[in-house]
Structure formats: C-alpha cells, structure tokens
Protein backbone atom coordinates (compact mmCIF):
# COMPACT_ATOMS: atom_id res chain seq x y z
CA UNK A 1 -13.55 13.57 -13.08
CA UNK A 2 -10.35 15.31 -12.40
CA UNK A 3 -7.57 13.36 -10.32
CA UNK A 4 -7.91 14.23 -6.78
CA UNK A 5 -5.04 15.82 -4.77
CA UNK A 6 -3.24 13.47 -2.49
CA UNK A 7 -3.24 14.68 1.11
CA UNK A 8 0.08 15.56 2.71
CA UNK A 9 1.61 14.65 6.15
CA UNK A 10 0.02 17.00 8.70
CA UNK A 11 -3.38 16.97 7.24
CA UNK A 12 -5.69 15.74 10.03
CA UNK A 13 -7.85 13.55 7.65
CA UNK A 14 -4.86 11.22 7.34
CA UNK A 15 -5.17 10.36 11.16
CA UNK A 16 -8.91 10.31 11.49
CA UNK A 17 -10.89 7.35 12.31
CA UNK A 18 -11.91 5.37 9.05
CA UNK A 19 -15.29 4.05 8.60
CA UNK A 20 -16.21 0.41 7.81
CA UNK A 21 -18.09 -0.03 4.51
CA UNK A 22 -21.64 -1.55 4.89
CA UNK A 23 -23.26 -0.62 1.47
CA UNK A 24 -21.21 -2.07 -1.27
CA UNK A 25 -23.65 -0.74 -3.82
CA UNK A 26 -23.22 2.92 -2.65
CA UNK A 27 -22.48 5.33 -5.41
CA UNK A 28 -19.92 7.24 -3.35
CA UNK A 29 -18.08 3.98 -2.49
CA UNK A 30 -17.91 3.10 -6.08
CA UNK A 31 -16.67 6.66 -7.04
CA UNK A 32 -14.03 6.52 -4.30
CA UNK A 33 -12.65 3.36 -5.76
CA UNK A 34 -12.65 4.74 -9.28
CA UNK A 35 -10.75 7.95 -8.07
CA UNK A 36 -8.21 5.66 -6.16
CA UNK A 37 -7.49 3.73 -9.33
CA UNK A 38 -7.32 6.87 -11.46
CA UNK A 39 -4.89 8.63 -9.09
CA UNK A 40 -2.81 5.55 -8.41
CA UNK A 41 -2.25 5.00 -12.28
CA UNK A 42 -1.71 8.86 -12.87
CA UNK A 43 0.97 9.11 -10.30
CA UNK A 44 2.58 5.78 -10.98
CA UNK A 45 1.86 4.33 -7.48
CA UNK A 46 1.54 0.67 -6.44
CA UNK A 47 -1.09 1.42 -3.88
CA UNK A 48 -3.23 4.05 -2.29
CA UNK A 49 -5.69 4.44 0.53
CA UNK A 50 -9.04 6.26 0.73
CA UNK A 51 -7.75 8.56 3.58
CA UNK A 52 -4.94 9.85 1.22
CA UNK A 53 -7.57 11.46 -0.93
CA UNK A 54 -9.58 12.79 1.98
CA UNK A 55 -12.06 9.94 2.36
CA UNK A 56 -12.11 8.33 5.75
CA UNK A 57 -13.20 5.00 4.64
CA UNK A 58 -11.71 1.43 5.24
CA UNK A 59 -10.60 1.13 1.46
CA UNK A 60 -7.32 0.83 -0.25
CA UNK A 61 -6.04 -0.62 -3.61
CA UNK A 62 -2.86 -2.14 -4.69
CA UNK A 63 -1.48 -3.04 -8.06
CA UNK A 64 2.37 -3.61 -8.30
CA UNK A 65 2.38 -3.61 -12.09
CA UNK A 66 4.71 -5.33 -14.45
CA UNK A 67 7.33 -2.82 -15.39
CA UNK A 68 10.83 -2.69 -17.25
CA UNK A 69 12.25 -3.84 -13.87
CA UNK A 70 9.46 -5.97 -12.39
CA UNK A 71 8.68 -9.17 -14.22
CA UNK A 72 5.18 -10.52 -14.56
CA UNK A 73 5.56 -13.07 -11.85
CA UNK A 74 6.64 -10.32 -9.35
CA UNK A 75 3.72 -8.28 -10.26
CA UNK A 76 -0.05 -8.51 -9.12
CA UNK A 77 -3.30 -7.61 -10.60
CA UNK A 78 -5.45 -4.64 -9.34
CA UNK A 79 -6.90 -5.57 -6.05
CA UNK A 80 -9.55 -3.57 -3.91
CA UNK A 81 -9.41 -4.14 -0.14
CA UNK A 82 -12.52 -2.92 1.80
CA UNK A 83 -12.81 -3.44 5.52
CA UNK A 84 -9.32 -5.32 5.65
CA UNK A 85 -7.98 -6.97 8.56
CA UNK A 86 -4.57 -8.53 8.99
CA UNK A 87 -5.09 -11.94 10.60
CA UNK A 88 -1.51 -13.22 10.65
CA UNK A 89 1.95 -11.95 10.45
CA UNK A 90 5.24 -13.87 10.43
CA UNK A 91 7.79 -13.41 13.14
CA UNK A 92 10.46 -12.95 10.48
CA UNK A 93 10.86 -9.28 9.31
CA UNK A 94 12.56 -7.74 6.53
CA UNK A 95 13.78 -4.21 5.85
CA UNK A 96 12.66 -2.51 2.61
CA UNK A 97 12.92 1.16 1.72
CA UNK A 98 9.66 2.66 1.49
CA UNK A 99 8.30 6.15 0.18
CA UNK A 100 4.73 7.61 0.34
CA UNK A 101 2.79 9.94 -1.94
CA UNK A 102 1.61 11.69 1.22
CA UNK A 103 5.11 12.36 2.61
CA UNK A 104 6.43 15.47 0.63
CA UNK A 105 5.04 13.85 -2.28
CA UNK A 106 7.52 10.88 -2.17
CA UNK A 107 10.53 13.16 -1.47
CA UNK A 108 12.07 10.82 1.06
CA UNK A 109 12.47 7.10 1.31
CA UNK A 110 13.40 5.33 4.45
CA UNK A 111 14.10 1.75 5.65
CA UNK A 112 11.16 0.12 7.48
CA UNK A 113 11.03 -3.42 9.05
CA UNK A 114 7.82 -5.26 8.69
CA UNK A 115 6.68 -8.82 8.93
CA UNK A 116 7.91 -10.84 5.83
CA UNK A 117 4.66 -12.74 5.20
CA UNK A 118 1.04 -11.76 6.10
CA UNK A 119 -2.49 -13.10 5.67
CA UNK A 120 -5.02 -10.52 5.25
CA UNK A 121 -8.80 -10.90 4.99
CA UNK A 122 -10.88 -8.26 3.17
CA UNK A 123 -13.94 -7.85 0.77
CA UNK A 124 -13.54 -6.69 -2.88
CA UNK A 125 -15.60 -3.91 -4.53
CA UNK A 126 -18.40 -6.42 -5.05
CA UNK A 127 -18.63 -7.25 -1.31
CA UNK A 128 -17.10 -10.76 -1.79
CA UNK A 129 -14.72 -11.68 0.96
CA UNK A 130 -11.29 -13.14 0.22
CA UNK A 131 -8.09 -14.07 1.94
CA UNK A 132 -4.67 -13.48 0.64
CA UNK A 133 -1.42 -14.77 2.03
CA UNK A 134 1.64 -13.17 0.42
CA UNK A 135 5.15 -11.94 0.87
CA UNK A 136 7.59 -9.60 -0.82
CA UNK A 137 6.57 -6.45 -2.45
CA UNK A 138 2.82 -7.39 -2.46
CA UNK A 139 3.02 -7.93 1.45
CA UNK A 140 4.83 -4.72 1.87
CA UNK A 141 2.41 -2.58 -0.08
CA UNK A 142 -0.56 -4.19 1.65
CA UNK A 143 0.89 -3.34 5.02
CA UNK A 144 1.84 0.21 4.10
CA UNK A 145 -1.73 0.82 2.74
CA UNK A 146 -3.32 -0.97 5.70
CA UNK A 147 -1.49 1.41 8.12
CA UNK A 148 -3.16 4.39 6.37
CA UNK A 149 -6.49 3.04 7.64
CA UNK A 150 -5.08 2.98 11.04
CA UNK A 151 -3.81 6.48 10.85
CA UNK A 152 -0.16 5.39 10.67
CA UNK A 153 2.38 6.84 8.14
CA UNK A 154 5.38 4.95 7.15
CA UNK A 155 7.78 7.52 8.64
CA UNK A 156 6.67 6.51 12.06
CA UNK A 157 8.23 2.91 11.39
CA UNK A 158 11.46 3.96 10.02
CA UNK A 159 14.15 1.72 11.50
CA UNK A 160 16.99 4.05 11.23
CA UNK A 161 16.51 7.83 10.59
CA UNK A 162 20.15 8.40 9.65
CA UNK A 163 19.39 6.31 6.46
CA UNK A 164 16.60 8.44 5.09
CA UNK A 165 17.42 9.36 1.45
CA UNK A 166 16.23 11.59 -1.33
CA UNK A 167 14.50 10.15 -4.31
CA UNK A 168 17.60 10.48 -6.46
CA UNK A 169 19.81 8.63 -3.92
CA UNK A 170 17.09 5.90 -3.68
CA UNK A 171 17.16 5.60 -7.49
CA UNK A 172 21.07 5.47 -7.57
CA UNK A 173 21.88 3.38 -4.47
CA UNK A 174 18.98 1.47 -3.21
CA UNK A 175 16.24 0.78 -5.70
CA UNK A 176 18.30 -1.84 -7.49
CA UNK A 177 20.53 -3.19 -4.51
CA UNK A 178 20.61 -6.80 -3.88
CA UNK A 179 19.04 -6.35 -0.36
CA UNK A 180 16.01 -4.20 -1.62
CA UNK A 181 15.41 -6.60 -4.62
CA UNK A 182 15.73 -9.80 -2.50
CA UNK A 183 13.41 -8.51 0.21
CA UNK A 184 10.82 -7.48 -2.44
CA UNK A 185 10.69 -10.91 -4.14
CA UNK A 186 7.22 -12.49 -4.14
CA UNK A 187 7.44 -16.16 -3.45
CA UNK A 188 4.09 -16.54 -1.82
CA UNK A 189 0.68 -15.33 -3.46
CA UNK A 190 -2.12 -17.31 -2.35
CA UNK A 191 -5.77 -16.17 -2.85
CA UNK A 192 -8.75 -17.81 -1.40
CA UNK A 193 -12.46 -16.77 -1.86
CA UNK A 194 -14.31 -17.05 1.27
C-alpha cells in the first residue's frame, strides 16, 4: 500500500474525537498500525498518531531509533500504544524544542514545556496491557503523540512564540545544544506487563 498523506494543521480530522479500540483482531486496526509504521519509517519520524493519517482512533506509535547522534541506550524499540492513558506526571517540567509532521510538514520548531517523567498505561497491538514509566526523549514523544489523540497540536503548548525557528535554524543552533541534549536524555525506561 502507498504511504498515506499526513494531515496538516487545520484539517478537522486532527481535532475530532478519537474512538477507543475494542476489537484488537480487526483487520482495519491491523492495517492502521501497519500504515503508521510505514509512514513513520519513510518520513524519518520518531512517532505518529492515527488521527494524523485521517483515522480517528486511539492509537499511536513511537520509535526513537538509534542514529548517528542517538546511541542505543538513548533509543527505544518500536512501541504501539492503543487506548493510552497517562496516569502519572512529574511536577518537574523540562523544555525541549518540538516539531510535527502535521505542522507545515515540520517547517517550524518551538520550545515546549512538559513533565519530565510520565507513567502511561496502554495496550499493544495484541491487546496486552502494559505500563511504561519514562523520561527524556521517550517521555516527550509519548506526550506529543498522546496529545494528538486529545486533538491537541504542539503549537498550542509552545512556551515562547518568539523562539519559534525554521528547520535550518533548529539543526544549526538547537538540535545539538547542551540544553536540548540534556533534556532529551533517557534515564528512566521501566516497562511492566499488566
């Protein structure tokens, strides 16, 4: 199947209510997950949510992969989150610059303050419940994608609109800055099967 188009800001499907998944054996659900994985890999994303491809379902996936700049201990395996619910957030927050494929196809990046550590409960593609407590980039990606299921775009959470930058400026000045790298470090990644 051809890679689906990523919906852009202003498309009403990005803010519609997303449905809870009941039938984990549904061929449609299986196909949505396959499509999400395909588009995430093709576009080089670290996460994507079902509403971004026009499917108003409570599903998102994450995979902060090992790269030239991200070591194996700072990466995470491909995870499918179905019917997720954040059940705990730290009071401590950190600012990390974020972008989104649904915002001008990632043509802007901006500083977003979010809880440093979260605990989220979800089901995987087999319907098995799990709990994950994490921080750093993994926590950030999970919170960003979970927001999509709530109809929230990251630009609504930018802490200082005067600091929005282009992809070029992000790459030159921010991506490898001490603050961005330090706030992205994963020190907690605890996964529990329920």
